[in-house]
Amino acid sequence: MTYADSFPVVATTGANMRSTPSQDGEIIQTIASGTTLTAVGYTDRWYKVEYDGTVGYVNQNLFSAE
């Protein structure tokens, strides 16, 4: 699937991908430092990302835009 506003982001440290944009969201994957993901949206402090066929949320403080 392609999104008009998608852009790459890189993990600056290890990060958890969560099911909802919240620290309380279920952890669905762990992302290693240096991993590039595709951001398909964002809200407040969270990127909505697609990684390895899974869509979830990561904290923007742990990523940098490429």
C-alpha atoms as a PDB file:
ATOM      1  CA  MET A   1       0.000   0.000   0.000  1.00  0.00           C
ATOM      2  CA  THR A   2       1.295   3.500  -0.833  1.00  0.00           C
ATOM      3  CA  TYR A   3       0.549   6.619   1.199  1.00  0.00           C
ATOM      4  CA  ALA A   4       0.797  10.148  -0.186  1.00  0.00           C
ATOM      5  CA  ASP A   5       2.508  11.413   2.957  1.00  0.00           C
ATOM      6  CA  SER A   6       4.903   8.509   3.601  1.00  0.00           C
ATOM      7  CA  PHE A   7       8.573   9.186   4.397  1.00  0.00           C
ATOM      8  CA  PRO A   8      11.516   7.206   5.820  1.00  0.00           C
ATOM      9  CA  VAL A   9      12.550   7.468   9.481  1.00  0.00           C
ATOM     10  CA  VAL A  10      15.547   5.832  11.180  1.00  0.00           C
ATOM     11  CA  ALA A  11      15.659   4.483  14.728  1.00  0.00           C
ATOM     12  CA  THR A  12      18.318   6.373  16.714  1.00  0.00           C
ATOM     13  CA  THR A  13      18.071   3.829  19.521  1.00  0.00           C
ATOM     14  CA  GLY A  14      16.164   0.606  20.125  1.00  0.00           C
ATOM     15  CA  ALA A  15      12.417   1.252  20.143  1.00  0.00           C
ATOM     16  CA  ASN A  16       9.135  -0.536  20.685  1.00  0.00           C
ATOM     17  CA  MET A  17       6.420  -0.507  18.019  1.00  0.00           C
ATOM     18  CA  ARG A  18       3.050  -0.273  19.737  1.00  0.00           C
ATOM     19  CA  SER A  19      -0.511  -1.093  18.712  1.00  0.00           C
ATOM     20  CA  THR A  20      -1.754   2.397  19.694  1.00  0.00           C
ATOM     21  CA  PRO A  21      -0.024   5.812  19.933  1.00  0.00           C
ATOM     22  CA  SER A  22       0.498   5.517  23.685  1.00  0.00           C
ATOM     23  CA  GLN A  23       3.119   4.256  26.148  1.00  0.00           C
ATOM     24  CA  ASP A  24       0.339   1.933  27.347  1.00  0.00           C
ATOM     25  CA  GLY A  25      -0.167   0.413  23.879  1.00  0.00           C
ATOM     26  CA  GLU A  26       0.692  -3.259  23.438  1.00  0.00           C
ATOM     27  CA  ILE A  27       4.252  -3.811  22.152  1.00  0.00           C
ATOM     28  CA  ILE A  28       3.927  -5.586  18.796  1.00  0.00           C
ATOM     29  CA  GLN A  29       7.584  -5.451  17.649  1.00  0.00           C
ATOM     30  CA  THR A  30      10.975  -4.235  18.821  1.00  0.00           C
ATOM     31  CA  ILE A  31      12.940  -2.082  16.374  1.00  0.00           C
ATOM     32  CA  ALA A  32      16.759  -2.157  16.468  1.00  0.00           C
ATOM     33  CA  SER A  33      18.860   1.001  16.369  1.00  0.00           C
ATOM     34  CA  GLY A  34      19.679   2.030  12.778  1.00  0.00           C
ATOM     35  CA  THR A  35      16.571   0.384  11.298  1.00  0.00           C
ATOM     36  CA  THR A  36      14.791   2.394   8.594  1.00  0.00           C
ATOM     37  CA  LEU A  37      10.989   2.369   8.680  1.00  0.00           C
ATOM     38  CA  THR A  38       8.354   4.005   6.492  1.00  0.00           C
ATOM     39  CA  ALA A  39       6.288   6.576   8.362  1.00  0.00           C
ATOM     40  CA  VAL A  40       2.763   6.662   6.937  1.00  0.00           C
ATOM     41  CA  GLY A  41       1.519   9.384   9.254  1.00  0.00           C
ATOM     42  CA  TYR A  42       2.129  11.066  12.556  1.00  0.00           C
ATOM     43  CA  THR A  43       0.305  12.518  15.532  1.00  0.00           C
ATOM     44  CA  ASP A  44       1.569  14.470  18.557  1.00  0.00           C
ATOM     45  CA  ARG A  45       4.667  12.504  19.644  1.00  0.00           C
ATOM     46  CA  TRP A  46       4.079   9.380  17.559  1.00  0.00           C
ATOM     47  CA  TYR A  47       4.902   8.210  14.037  1.00  0.00           C
ATOM     48  CA  LYS A  48       2.518   5.725  12.477  1.00  0.00           C
ATOM     49  CA  VAL A  49       4.914   3.351  10.723  1.00  0.00           C
ATOM     50  CA  GLU A  50       4.941   0.300   8.496  1.00  0.00           C
ATOM     51  CA  TYR A  51       7.677  -2.257   9.125  1.00  0.00           C
ATOM     52  CA  ASP A  52       7.951  -5.802   7.887  1.00  0.00           C
ATOM     53  CA  GLY A  53       4.267  -5.868   6.870  1.00  0.00           C
ATOM     54  CA  THR A  54       3.047  -4.552  10.240  1.00  0.00           C
ATOM     55  CA  VAL A  55       1.577  -1.110  10.953  1.00  0.00           C
ATOM     56  CA  GLY A  56       2.043   0.388  14.418  1.00  0.00           C
ATOM     57  CA  TYR A  57       3.258   3.423  16.332  1.00  0.00           C
ATOM     58  CA  VAL A  58       6.689   4.538  17.554  1.00  0.00           C
ATOM     59  CA  ASN A  59       7.699   7.491  19.697  1.00  0.00           C
ATOM     60  CA  GLN A  60       9.097  10.312  17.519  1.00  0.00           C
ATOM     61  CA  ASN A  61      11.838  11.048  20.095  1.00  0.00           C
ATOM     62  CA  LEU A  62      13.496   7.732  19.205  1.00  0.00           C
ATOM     63  CA  PHE A  63      13.621   8.362  15.422  1.00  0.00           C
ATOM     64  CA  SER A  64      15.042  10.869  12.978  1.00  0.00           C
ATOM     65  CA  ALA A  65      13.701  11.688   9.530  1.00  0.00           C
ATOM     66  CA  GLU A  66      16.035  10.736   6.683  1.00  0.00           C
END
